[in-house]
Amino acid sequence: SPEQYMKYLSSIRNFLNSKKAHKLSMDVWINTLKKSIL
């Protein structure tokens, strides 16, 4: 439904603006990769 679709969009927006999304950032990914290589 359009309402359900909008709820998903809102949830996505809220997640991307939260601290939880930082774990998926490029900076975190690069640092994890560097540590693994080291």
Full PDB file with SEQRES, HELIX, SHEET, SSBOND, CRYST1, ORIGX, SCALE, CONECT and MASTER records, all heavy atoms in Angstrom:
SEQRES   1 A   38  SER PRO GLU GLN TYR MET LYS TYR LEU SER SER ILE ARG          
SEQRES   2 A   38  ASN PHE LEU ASN SER LYS LYS ALA HIS LYS LEU SER MET          
SEQRES   3 A   38  ASP VAL TRP ILE ASN THR LEU LYS LYS SER ILE LEU              
HELIX    1 AA1 PRO A    2  LEU A   16  1                                  15    
HELIX    2 AA2 LYS A   19  LEU A   24  5                                   6    
HELIX    3 AA3 MET A   26  ILE A   37  1                                  12    
CRYST1    1.000    1.000    1.000  90.00  90.00  90.00 P 1           1          
ORIGX1      1.000000  0.000000  0.000000        0.00000                         
ORIGX2      0.000000  1.000000  0.000000        0.00000                         
ORIGX3      0.000000  0.000000  1.000000        0.00000                         
SCALE1      1.000000  0.000000  0.000000        0.00000                         
SCALE2      0.000000  1.000000  0.000000        0.00000                         
SCALE3      0.000000  0.000000  1.000000        0.00000                         
ATOM      1  N   SER A   1       0.843  -1.200   0.000  1.00  0.00           N  
ATOM      2  CA  SER A   1       0.000   0.000   0.000  1.00  0.00           C  
ATOM      3  C   SER A   1       0.880   1.253   0.000  1.00  0.00           C  
ATOM      4  O   SER A   1       2.030   1.210   0.452  1.00  0.00           O  
ATOM      5  CB  SER A   1      -0.913   0.023   1.223  1.00  0.00           C  
ATOM      6  OG  SER A   1      -0.142   0.254   2.393  1.00  0.00           O  
ATOM      7  N   PRO A   2       0.356   2.369  -0.498  1.00  0.00           N  
ATOM      8  CA  PRO A   2       1.124   3.618  -0.454  1.00  0.00           C  
ATOM      9  C   PRO A   2       1.541   3.990   0.973  1.00  0.00           C  
ATOM     10  O   PRO A   2       2.646   4.481   1.194  1.00  0.00           O  
ATOM     11  CB  PRO A   2       0.169   4.659  -1.036  1.00  0.00           C  
ATOM     12  CG  PRO A   2      -0.759   3.871  -1.907  1.00  0.00           C  
ATOM     13  CD  PRO A   2      -0.903   2.532  -1.208  1.00  0.00           C  
ATOM     14  N   GLU A   3       0.672   3.703   1.940  1.00  0.00           N  
ATOM     15  CA  GLU A   3       0.989   4.010   3.338  1.00  0.00           C  
ATOM     16  C   GLU A   3       2.170   3.168   3.826  1.00  0.00           C  
ATOM     17  O   GLU A   3       3.062   3.671   4.512  1.00  0.00           O  
ATOM     18  CB  GLU A   3      -0.223   3.769   4.245  1.00  0.00           C  
ATOM     19  CG  GLU A   3      -1.393   4.699   3.989  1.00  0.00           C  
ATOM     20  CD  GLU A   3      -2.245   4.289   2.791  1.00  0.00           C  
ATOM     21  OE1 GLU A   3      -2.146   3.138   2.343  1.00  0.00           O  
ATOM     22  OE2 GLU A   3      -3.002   5.144   2.298  1.00  0.00           O  
ATOM     23  N   GLN A   4       2.153   1.906   3.481  1.00  0.00           N  
ATOM     24  CA  GLN A   4       3.239   1.019   3.884  1.00  0.00           C  
ATOM     25  C   GLN A   4       4.553   1.440   3.207  1.00  0.00           C  
ATOM     26  O   GLN A   4       5.602   1.453   3.829  1.00  0.00           O  
ATOM     27  CB  GLN A   4       2.892  -0.426   3.530  1.00  0.00           C  
ATOM     28  CG  GLN A   4       3.833  -1.443   4.132  1.00  0.00           C  
ATOM     29  CD  GLN A   4       3.365  -2.871   3.862  1.00  0.00           C  
ATOM     30  OE1 GLN A   4       2.523  -3.125   3.007  1.00  0.00           O  
ATOM     31  NE2 GLN A   4       3.926  -3.804   4.607  1.00  0.00           N  
ATOM     32  N   TYR A   5       4.469   1.801   1.944  1.00  0.00           N  
ATOM     33  CA  TYR A   5       5.640   2.274   1.205  1.00  0.00           C  
ATOM     34  C   TYR A   5       6.230   3.515   1.868  1.00  0.00           C  
ATOM     35  O   TYR A   5       7.432   3.609   2.081  1.00  0.00           O  
ATOM     36  CB  TYR A   5       5.249   2.563  -0.243  1.00  0.00           C  
ATOM     37  CG  TYR A   5       6.351   3.164  -1.062  1.00  0.00           C  
ATOM     38  CD1 TYR A   5       7.424   2.390  -1.498  1.00  0.00           C  
ATOM     39  CD2 TYR A   5       6.331   4.515  -1.398  1.00  0.00           C  
ATOM     40  CE1 TYR A   5       8.446   2.937  -2.249  1.00  0.00           C  
ATOM     41  CE2 TYR A   5       7.349   5.080  -2.148  1.00  0.00           C  
ATOM     42  CZ  TYR A   5       8.400   4.279  -2.578  1.00  0.00           C  
ATOM     43  OH  TYR A   5       9.407   4.846  -3.318  1.00  0.00           O  
ATOM     44  N   MET A   6       5.368   4.461   2.237  1.00  0.00           N  
ATOM     45  CA  MET A   6       5.834   5.689   2.885  1.00  0.00           C  
ATOM     46  C   MET A   6       6.448   5.393   4.256  1.00  0.00           C  
ATOM     47  O   MET A   6       7.405   6.038   4.672  1.00  0.00           O  
ATOM     48  CB  MET A   6       4.691   6.695   3.011  1.00  0.00           C  
ATOM     49  CG  MET A   6       4.204   7.221   1.668  1.00  0.00           C  
ATOM     50  SD  MET A   6       5.529   7.891   0.628  1.00  0.00           S  
ATOM     51  CE  MET A   6       5.970   9.331   1.547  1.00  0.00           C  
ATOM     52  N   LYS A   7       5.898   4.393   4.949  1.00  0.00           N  
ATOM     53  CA  LYS A   7       6.457   4.002   6.240  1.00  0.00           C  
ATOM     54  C   LYS A   7       7.871   3.444   6.059  1.00  0.00           C  
ATOM     55  O   LYS A   7       8.767   3.757   6.841  1.00  0.00           O  
ATOM     56  CB  LYS A   7       5.549   2.970   6.918  1.00  0.00           C  
ATOM     57  CG  LYS A   7       5.984   2.624   8.314  1.00  0.00           C  
ATOM     58  CD  LYS A   7       4.990   1.692   8.989  1.00  0.00           C  
ATOM     59  CE  LYS A   7       5.496   1.334  10.375  1.00  0.00           C  
ATOM     60  NZ  LYS A   7       4.617   0.435  11.086  1.00  0.00           N  
ATOM     61  N   TYR A   8       8.078   2.645   5.023  1.00  0.00           N  
ATOM     62  CA  TYR A   8       9.424   2.145   4.732  1.00  0.00           C  
ATOM     63  C   TYR A   8      10.372   3.304   4.444  1.00  0.00           C  
ATOM     64  O   TYR A   8      11.500   3.345   4.948  1.00  0.00           O  
ATOM     65  CB  TYR A   8       9.422   1.181   3.548  1.00  0.00           C  
ATOM     66  CG  TYR A   8       9.138  -0.249   3.928  1.00  0.00           C  
ATOM     67  CD1 TYR A   8       7.925  -0.848   3.603  1.00  0.00           C  
ATOM     68  CD2 TYR A   8      10.084  -1.013   4.590  1.00  0.00           C  
ATOM     69  CE1 TYR A   8       7.651  -2.158   3.946  1.00  0.00           C  
ATOM     70  CE2 TYR A   8       9.828  -2.330   4.935  1.00  0.00           C  
ATOM     71  CZ  TYR A   8       8.612  -2.893   4.616  1.00  0.00           C  
ATOM     72  OH  TYR A   8       8.359  -4.191   4.961  1.00  0.00           O  
ATOM     73  N   LEU A   9       9.938   4.249   3.626  1.00  0.00           N  
ATOM     74  CA  LEU A   9      10.785   5.398   3.301  1.00  0.00           C  
ATOM     75  C   LEU A   9      11.153   6.195   4.549  1.00  0.00           C  
ATOM     76  O   LEU A   9      12.303   6.609   4.725  1.00  0.00           O  
ATOM     77  CB  LEU A   9      10.098   6.314   2.289  1.00  0.00           C  
ATOM     78  CG  LEU A   9       9.990   5.798   0.866  1.00  0.00           C  
ATOM     79  CD1 LEU A   9       9.328   6.843  -0.022  1.00  0.00           C  
ATOM     80  CD2 LEU A   9      11.355   5.410   0.309  1.00  0.00           C  
ATOM     81  N   SER A  10      10.187   6.388   5.411  1.00  0.00           N  
ATOM     82  CA  SER A  10      10.443   7.116   6.655  1.00  0.00           C  
ATOM     83  C   SER A  10      11.429   6.359   7.536  1.00  0.00           C  
ATOM     84  O   SER A  10      12.340   6.956   8.119  1.00  0.00           O  
ATOM     85  CB  SER A  10       9.117   7.336   7.394  1.00  0.00           C  
ATOM     86  OG  SER A  10       9.335   7.967   8.612  1.00  0.00           O  
ATOM     87  N   SER A  11      11.249   5.053   7.627  1.00  0.00           N  
ATOM     88  CA  SER A  11      12.168   4.232   8.428  1.00  0.00           C  
ATOM     89  C   SER A  11      13.579   4.270   7.859  1.00  0.00           C  
ATOM     90  O   SER A  11      14.564   4.316   8.615  1.00  0.00           O  
ATOM     91  CB  SER A  11      11.676   2.787   8.480  1.00  0.00           C  
ATOM     92  OG  SER A  11      10.459   2.705   9.166  1.00  0.00           O  
ATOM     93  N   ILE A  12      13.702   4.243   6.561  1.00  0.00           N  
ATOM     94  CA  ILE A  12      15.017   4.327   5.919  1.00  0.00           C  
ATOM     95  C   ILE A  12      15.668   5.659   6.255  1.00  0.00           C  
ATOM     96  O   ILE A  12      16.839   5.719   6.646  1.00  0.00           O  
ATOM     97  CB  ILE A  12      14.885   4.143   4.397  1.00  0.00           C  
ATOM     98  CG1 ILE A  12      14.482   2.715   4.068  1.00  0.00           C  
ATOM     99  CG2 ILE A  12      16.183   4.524   3.684  1.00  0.00           C  
ATOM    100  CD1 ILE A  12      14.006   2.517   2.641  1.00  0.00           C  
ATOM    101  N   ARG A  13      14.910   6.718   6.116  1.00  0.00           N  
ATOM    102  CA  ARG A  13      15.428   8.058   6.407  1.00  0.00           C  
ATOM    103  C   ARG A  13      15.880   8.160   7.864  1.00  0.00           C  
ATOM    104  O   ARG A  13      16.965   8.667   8.160  1.00  0.00           O  
ATOM    105  CB  ARG A  13      14.340   9.099   6.106  1.00  0.00           C  
ATOM    106  CG  ARG A  13      14.840  10.454   5.723  1.00  0.00           C  
ATOM    107  CD  ARG A  13      13.723  11.399   5.265  1.00  0.00           C  
ATOM    108  NE  ARG A  13      13.073  10.950   4.038  1.00  0.00           N  
ATOM    109  CZ  ARG A  13      11.811  10.499   3.948  1.00  0.00           C  
ATOM    110  NH1 ARG A  13      11.036  10.460   5.004  1.00  0.00           N  
ATOM    111  NH2 ARG A  13      11.317  10.122   2.790  1.00  0.00           N  
ATOM    112  N   ASN A  14      15.066   7.639   8.768  1.00  0.00           N  
ATOM    113  CA  ASN A  14      15.412   7.669  10.196  1.00  0.00           C  
ATOM    114  C   ASN A  14      16.682   6.876  10.475  1.00  0.00           C  
ATOM    115  O   ASN A  14      17.536   7.315  11.249  1.00  0.00           O  
ATOM    116  CB  ASN A  14      14.258   7.133  11.040  1.00  0.00           C  
ATOM    117  CG  ASN A  14      13.080   8.073  11.065  1.00  0.00           C  
ATOM    118  OD1 ASN A  14      13.216   9.269  10.815  1.00  0.00           O  
ATOM    119  ND2 ASN A  14      11.914   7.542  11.333  1.00  0.00           N  
ATOM    120  N   PHE A  15      16.805   5.714   9.849  1.00  0.00           N  
ATOM    121  CA  PHE A  15      18.005   4.904  10.053  1.00  0.00           C  
ATOM    122  C   PHE A  15      19.244   5.631   9.532  1.00  0.00           C  
ATOM    123  O   PHE A  15      20.270   5.694  10.213  1.00  0.00           O  
ATOM    124  CB  PHE A  15      17.869   3.549   9.360  1.00  0.00           C  
ATOM    125  CG  PHE A  15      19.146   2.761   9.392  1.00  0.00           C  
ATOM    126  CD1 PHE A  15      19.546   2.128  10.557  1.00  0.00           C  
ATOM    127  CD2 PHE A  15      19.948   2.682   8.273  1.00  0.00           C  
ATOM    128  CE1 PHE A  15      20.739   1.412  10.596  1.00  0.00           C  
ATOM    129  CE2 PHE A  15      21.141   1.983   8.301  1.00  0.00           C  
ATOM    130  CZ  PHE A  15      21.538   1.336   9.462  1.00  0.00           C  
ATOM    131  N   LEU A  16      19.166   6.174   8.330  1.00  0.00           N  
ATOM    132  CA  LEU A  16      20.327   6.837   7.742  1.00  0.00           C  
ATOM    133  C   LEU A  16      20.756   8.073   8.521  1.00  0.00           C  
ATOM    134  O   LEU A  16      21.924   8.459   8.470  1.00  0.00           O  
ATOM    135  CB  LEU A  16      20.047   7.201   6.277  1.00  0.00           C  
ATOM    136  CG  LEU A  16      19.926   6.002   5.336  1.00  0.00           C  
ATOM    137  CD1 LEU A  16      19.511   6.464   3.952  1.00  0.00           C  
ATOM    138  CD2 LEU A  16      21.216   5.202   5.294  1.00  0.00           C  
ATOM    139  N   ASN A  17      19.849   8.655   9.259  1.00  0.00           N  
ATOM    140  CA  ASN A  17      20.175   9.818  10.084  1.00  0.00           C  
ATOM    141  C   ASN A  17      20.542   9.436  11.518  1.00  0.00           C  
ATOM    142  O   ASN A  17      20.780  10.304  12.350  1.00  0.00           O  
ATOM    143  CB  ASN A  17      19.009  10.807  10.093  1.00  0.00           C  
ATOM    144  CG  ASN A  17      18.843  11.492   8.755  1.00  0.00           C  
ATOM    145  OD1 ASN A  17      19.822  11.833   8.102  1.00  0.00           O  
ATOM    146  ND2 ASN A  17      17.612  11.684   8.328  1.00  0.00           N  
ATOM    147  N   SER A  18      20.627   8.143  11.795  1.00  0.00           N  
ATOM    148  CA  SER A  18      20.940   7.686  13.149  1.00  0.00           C  
ATOM    149  C   SER A  18      22.412   7.306  13.269  1.00  0.00           C  
ATOM    150  O   SER A  18      23.125   7.164  12.274  1.00  0.00           O  
ATOM    151  CB  SER A  18      20.069   6.478  13.512  1.00  0.00           C  
ATOM    152  OG  SER A  18      20.534   5.317  12.837  1.00  0.00           O  
ATOM    153  N   LYS A  19      22.826   7.096  14.514  1.00  0.00           N  
ATOM    154  CA  LYS A  19      24.199   6.659  14.763  1.00  0.00           C  
ATOM    155  C   LYS A  19      24.427   5.226  14.268  1.00  0.00           C  
ATOM    156  O   LYS A  19      25.548   4.852  13.960  1.00  0.00           O  
ATOM    157  CB  LYS A  19      24.517   6.750  16.256  1.00  0.00           C  
ATOM    158  CG  LYS A  19      24.617   8.174  16.754  1.00  0.00           C  
ATOM    159  CD  LYS A  19      24.958   8.219  18.226  1.00  0.00           C  
ATOM    160  CE  LYS A  19      25.039   9.673  18.683  1.00  0.00           C  
ATOM    161  NZ  LYS A  19      25.396   9.772  20.107  1.00  0.00           N  
ATOM    162  N   LYS A  20      23.365   4.450  14.196  1.00  0.00           N  
ATOM    163  CA  LYS A  20      23.485   3.067  13.728  1.00  0.00           C  
ATOM    164  C   LYS A  20      24.014   3.000  12.293  1.00  0.00           C  
ATOM    165  O   LYS A  20      24.731   2.064  11.943  1.00  0.00           O  
ATOM    166  CB  LYS A  20      22.146   2.357  13.791  1.00  0.00           C  
ATOM    167  CG  LYS A  20      21.638   2.108  15.187  1.00  0.00           C  
ATOM    168  CD  LYS A  20      20.285   1.430  15.132  1.00  0.00           C  
ATOM    169  CE  LYS A  20      19.704   1.252  16.513  1.00  0.00           C  
ATOM    170  NZ  LYS A  20      18.378   0.635  16.473  1.00  0.00           N  
ATOM    171  N   ALA A  21      23.671   3.972  11.479  1.00  0.00           N  
ATOM    172  CA  ALA A  21      24.097   3.966  10.079  1.00  0.00           C  
ATOM    173  C   ALA A  21      25.588   4.213   9.946  1.00  0.00           C  
ATOM    174  O   ALA A  21      26.190   3.827   8.946  1.00  0.00           O  
ATOM    175  CB  ALA A  21      23.315   5.021   9.292  1.00  0.00           C  
ATOM    176  N   HIS A  22      26.198   4.817  10.953  1.00  0.00           N  
ATOM    177  CA  HIS A  22      27.634   5.098  10.896  1.00  0.00           C  
ATOM    178  C   HIS A  22      28.452   3.822  10.715  1.00  0.00           C  
ATOM    179  O   HIS A  22      29.481   3.824  10.039  1.00  0.00           O  
ATOM    180  CB  HIS A  22      28.088   5.849  12.151  1.00  0.00           C  
ATOM    181  CG  HIS A  22      29.560   6.095  12.200  1.00  0.00           C  
ATOM    182  ND1 HIS A  22      30.182   6.993  11.355  1.00  0.00           N  
ATOM    183  CD2 HIS A  22      30.523   5.527  12.944  1.00  0.00           C  
ATOM    184  CE1 HIS A  22      31.487   6.967  11.602  1.00  0.00           C  
ATOM    185  NE2 HIS A  22      31.714   6.087  12.564  1.00  0.00           N  
ATOM    186  N   LYS A  23      27.979   2.714  11.278  1.00  0.00           N  
ATOM    187  CA  LYS A  23      28.682   1.437  11.161  1.00  0.00           C  
ATOM    188  C   LYS A  23      28.818   1.003   9.704  1.00  0.00           C  
ATOM    189  O   LYS A  23      29.673   0.189   9.378  1.00  0.00           O  
ATOM    190  CB  LYS A  23      27.942   0.343  11.934  1.00  0.00           C  
ATOM    191  CG  LYS A  23      27.911   0.543  13.427  1.00  0.00           C  
ATOM    192  CD  LYS A  23      27.114  -0.569  14.075  1.00  0.00           C  
ATOM    193  CE  LYS A  23      26.941  -0.313  15.556  1.00  0.00           C  
ATOM    194  NZ  LYS A  23      26.120  -1.346  16.196  1.00  0.00           N  
ATOM    195  N   LEU A  24      27.959   1.524   8.839  1.00  0.00           N  
ATOM    196  CA  LEU A  24      27.981   1.161   7.421  1.00  0.00           C  
ATOM    197  C   LEU A  24      28.677   2.215   6.560  1.00  0.00           C  
ATOM    198  O   LEU A  24      28.675   2.105   5.342  1.00  0.00           O  
ATOM    199  CB  LEU A  24      26.541   0.968   6.917  1.00  0.00           C  
ATOM    200  CG  LEU A  24      25.713  -0.061   7.690  1.00  0.00           C  
ATOM    201  CD1 LEU A  24      24.276  -0.059   7.192  1.00  0.00           C  
ATOM    202  CD2 LEU A  24      26.325  -1.434   7.584  1.00  0.00           C  
ATOM    203  N   SER A  25      29.289   3.201   7.189  1.00  0.00           N  
ATOM    204  CA  SER A  25      29.910   4.290   6.437  1.00  0.00           C  
ATOM    205  C   SER A  25      31.202   3.841   5.765  1.00  0.00           C  
ATOM    206  O   SER A  25      31.833   2.858   6.156  1.00  0.00           O  
ATOM    207  CB  SER A  25      30.206   5.478   7.357  1.00  0.00           C  
ATOM    208  OG  SER A  25      31.287   5.176   8.214  1.00  0.00           O  
ATOM    209  N   MET A  26      31.617   4.582   4.765  1.00  0.00           N  
ATOM    210  CA  MET A  26      32.852   4.294   4.050  1.00  0.00           C  
ATOM    211  C   MET A  26      34.057   4.386   4.981  1.00  0.00           C  
ATOM    212  O   MET A  26      34.982   3.572   4.897  1.00  0.00           O  
ATOM    213  CB  MET A  26      33.011   5.265   2.874  1.00  0.00           C  
ATOM    214  CG  MET A  26      34.216   4.958   2.013  1.00  0.00           C  
ATOM    215  SD  MET A  26      34.138   3.348   1.179  1.00  0.00           S  
ATOM    216  CE  MET A  26      32.955   3.682  -0.080  1.00  0.00           C  
ATOM    217  N   ASP A  27      34.061   5.349   5.881  1.00  0.00           N  
ATOM    218  CA  ASP A  27      35.177   5.502   6.826  1.00  0.00           C  
ATOM    219  C   ASP A  27      35.356   4.255   7.689  1.00  0.00           C  
ATOM    220  O   ASP A  27      36.474   3.777   7.885  1.00  0.00           O  
ATOM    221  CB  ASP A  27      34.986   6.722   7.728  1.00  0.00           C  
ATOM    222  CG  ASP A  27      35.131   8.033   6.976  1.00  0.00           C  
ATOM    223  OD1 ASP A  27      35.796   8.040   5.923  1.00  0.00           O  
ATOM    224  OD2 ASP A  27      34.583   9.036   7.457  1.00  0.00           O  
ATOM    225  N   VAL A  28      34.272   3.742   8.207  1.00  0.00           N  
ATOM    226  CA  VAL A  28      34.340   2.541   9.046  1.00  0.00           C  
ATOM    227  C   VAL A  28      34.808   1.352   8.206  1.00  0.00           C  
ATOM    228  O   VAL A  28      35.653   0.563   8.629  1.00  0.00           O  
ATOM    229  CB  VAL A  28      32.979   2.253   9.713  1.00  0.00           C  
ATOM    230  CG1 VAL A  28      32.969   0.894  10.394  1.00  0.00           C  
ATOM    231  CG2 VAL A  28      32.633   3.357  10.704  1.00  0.00           C  
ATOM    232  N   TRP A  29      34.299   1.237   7.000  1.00  0.00           N  
ATOM    233  CA  TRP A  29      34.685   0.141   6.119  1.00  0.00           C  
ATOM    234  C   TRP A  29      36.180   0.197   5.802  1.00  0.00           C  
ATOM    235  O   TRP A  29      36.879  -0.822   5.861  1.00  0.00           O  
ATOM    236  CB  TRP A  29      33.862   0.207   4.830  1.00  0.00           C  
ATOM    237  CG  TRP A  29      34.079  -0.979   3.942  1.00  0.00           C  
ATOM    238  CD1 TRP A  29      33.483  -2.196   4.029  1.00  0.00           C  
ATOM    239  CD2 TRP A  29      34.987  -1.045   2.840  1.00  0.00           C  
ATOM    240  NE1 TRP A  29      33.967  -3.017   3.043  1.00  0.00           N  
ATOM    241  CE2 TRP A  29      34.887  -2.337   2.298  1.00  0.00           C  
ATOM    242  CE3 TRP A  29      35.869  -0.146   2.272  1.00  0.00           C  
ATOM    243  CZ2 TRP A  29      35.629  -2.751   1.209  1.00  0.00           C  
ATOM    244  CZ3 TRP A  29      36.619  -0.554   1.174  1.00  0.00           C  
ATOM    245  CH2 TRP A  29      36.491  -1.846   0.656  1.00  0.00           C  
ATOM    246  N   ILE A  30      36.682   1.379   5.481  1.00  0.00           N  
ATOM    247  CA  ILE A  30      38.103   1.545   5.165  1.00  0.00           C  
ATOM    248  C   ILE A  30      38.972   1.210   6.375  1.00  0.00           C  
ATOM    249  O   ILE A  30      39.978   0.511   6.252  1.00  0.00           O  
ATOM    250  CB  ILE A  30      38.385   2.974   4.651  1.00  0.00           C  
ATOM    251  CG1 ILE A  30      37.783   3.137   3.257  1.00  0.00           C  
ATOM    252  CG2 ILE A  30      39.876   3.276   4.633  1.00  0.00           C  
ATOM    253  CD1 ILE A  30      37.801   4.556   2.736  1.00  0.00           C  
ATOM    254  N   ASN A  31      38.600   1.696   7.541  1.00  0.00           N  
ATOM    255  CA  ASN A  31      39.373   1.397   8.750  1.00  0.00           C  
ATOM    256  C   ASN A  31      39.377  -0.094   9.062  1.00  0.00           C  
ATOM    257  O   ASN A  31      40.401  -0.646   9.466  1.00  0.00           O  
ATOM    258  CB  ASN A  31      38.853   2.199   9.946  1.00  0.00           C  
ATOM    259  CG  ASN A  31      39.252   3.653   9.857  1.00  0.00           C  
ATOM    260  OD1 ASN A  31      40.300   3.984   9.298  1.00  0.00           O  
ATOM    261  ND2 ASN A  31      38.418   4.520  10.394  1.00  0.00           N  
ATOM    262  N   THR A  32      38.267  -0.750   8.879  1.00  0.00           N  
ATOM    263  CA  THR A  32      38.191  -2.191   9.106  1.00  0.00           C  
ATOM    264  C   THR A  32      39.087  -2.929   8.119  1.00  0.00           C  
ATOM    265  O   THR A  32      39.819  -3.854   8.495  1.00  0.00           O  
ATOM    266  CB  THR A  32      36.731  -2.680   8.971  1.00  0.00           C  
ATOM    267  OG1 THR A  32      35.916  -1.979   9.906  1.00  0.00           O  
ATOM    268  CG2 THR A  32      36.622  -4.179   9.200  1.00  0.00           C  
ATOM    269  N   LEU A  33      39.064  -2.514   6.885  1.00  0.00           N  
ATOM    270  CA  LEU A  33      39.903  -3.132   5.866  1.00  0.00           C  
ATOM    271  C   LEU A  33      41.383  -2.921   6.173  1.00  0.00           C  
ATOM    272  O   LEU A  33      42.185  -3.864   6.093  1.00  0.00           O  
ATOM    273  CB  LEU A  33      39.552  -2.562   4.490  1.00  0.00           C  
ATOM    274  CG  LEU A  33      40.266  -3.159   3.293  1.00  0.00           C  
ATOM    275  CD1 LEU A  33      39.997  -4.647   3.181  1.00  0.00           C  
ATOM    276  CD2 LEU A  33      39.839  -2.440   2.028  1.00  0.00           C  
ATOM    277  N   LYS A  34      41.751  -1.707   6.561  1.00  0.00           N  
ATOM    278  CA  LYS A  34      43.147  -1.424   6.906  1.00  0.00           C  
ATOM    279  C   LYS A  34      43.611  -2.290   8.071  1.00  0.00           C  
ATOM    280  O   LYS A  34      44.704  -2.860   8.035  1.00  0.00           O  
ATOM    281  CB  LYS A  34      43.335   0.057   7.264  1.00  0.00           C  
ATOM    282  CG  LYS A  34      43.364   0.967   6.063  1.00  0.00           C  
ATOM    283  CD  LYS A  34      43.855   2.361   6.355  1.00  0.00           C  
ATOM    284  CE  LYS A  34      43.195   3.064   7.482  1.00  0.00           C  
ATOM    285  NZ  LYS A  34      43.535   4.493   7.593  1.00  0.00           N  
ATOM    286  N   LYS A  35      42.791  -2.392   9.108  1.00  0.00           N  
ATOM    287  CA  LYS A  35      43.153  -3.214  10.267  1.00  0.00           C  
ATOM    288  C   LYS A  35      43.337  -4.675   9.863  1.00  0.00           C  
ATOM    289  O   LYS A  35      44.262  -5.343  10.333  1.00  0.00           O  
ATOM    290  CB  LYS A  35      42.093  -3.100  11.363  1.00  0.00           C  
ATOM    291  CG  LYS A  35      42.086  -1.768  12.076  1.00  0.00           C  
ATOM    292  CD  LYS A  35      40.955  -1.698  13.068  1.00  0.00           C  
ATOM    293  CE  LYS A  35      40.862  -0.326  13.700  1.00  0.00           C  
ATOM    294  NZ  LYS A  35      39.699  -0.188  14.581  1.00  0.00           N  
ATOM    295  N   SER A  36      42.471  -5.162   9.000  1.00  0.00           N  
ATOM    296  CA  SER A  36      42.583  -6.553   8.544  1.00  0.00           C  
ATOM    297  C   SER A  36      43.857  -6.772   7.763  1.00  0.00           C  
ATOM    298  O   SER A  36      44.532  -7.795   7.933  1.00  0.00           O  
ATOM    299  CB  SER A  36      41.368  -6.929   7.673  1.00  0.00           C  
ATOM    300  OG  SER A  36      40.192  -6.874   8.432  1.00  0.00           O  
ATOM    301  N   ILE A  37      44.215  -5.842   6.897  1.00  0.00           N  
ATOM    302  CA  ILE A  37      45.439  -5.957   6.110  1.00  0.00           C  
ATOM    303  C   ILE A  37      46.669  -5.897   7.021  1.00  0.00           C  
ATOM    304  O   ILE A  37      47.590  -6.689   6.864  1.00  0.00           O  
ATOM    305  CB  ILE A  37      45.501  -4.847   5.031  1.00  0.00           C  
ATOM    306  CG1 ILE A  37      44.427  -5.124   3.971  1.00  0.00           C  
ATOM    307  CG2 ILE A  37      46.884  -4.770   4.401  1.00  0.00           C  
ATOM    308  CD1 ILE A  37      44.211  -3.992   2.994  1.00  0.00           C  
ATOM    309  N   LEU A  38      46.639  -5.000   7.969  1.00  0.00           N  
ATOM    310  CA  LEU A  38      47.770  -4.894   8.901  1.00  0.00           C  
ATOM    311  C   LEU A  38      47.938  -6.174   9.709  1.00  0.00           C  
ATOM    312  O   LEU A  38      49.065  -6.623   9.957  1.00  0.00           O  
ATOM    313  CB  LEU A  38      47.608  -3.694   9.823  1.00  0.00           C  
ATOM    314  CG  LEU A  38      47.752  -2.325   9.150  1.00  0.00           C  
ATOM    315  CD1 LEU A  38      47.404  -1.209  10.121  1.00  0.00           C  
ATOM    316  CD2 LEU A  38      49.162  -2.147   8.591  1.00  0.00           C  
TER     317      LEU A  38                                                      
MASTER        0    0    0    3    0    0    0    6  316    1    0    3          
END                                                                             
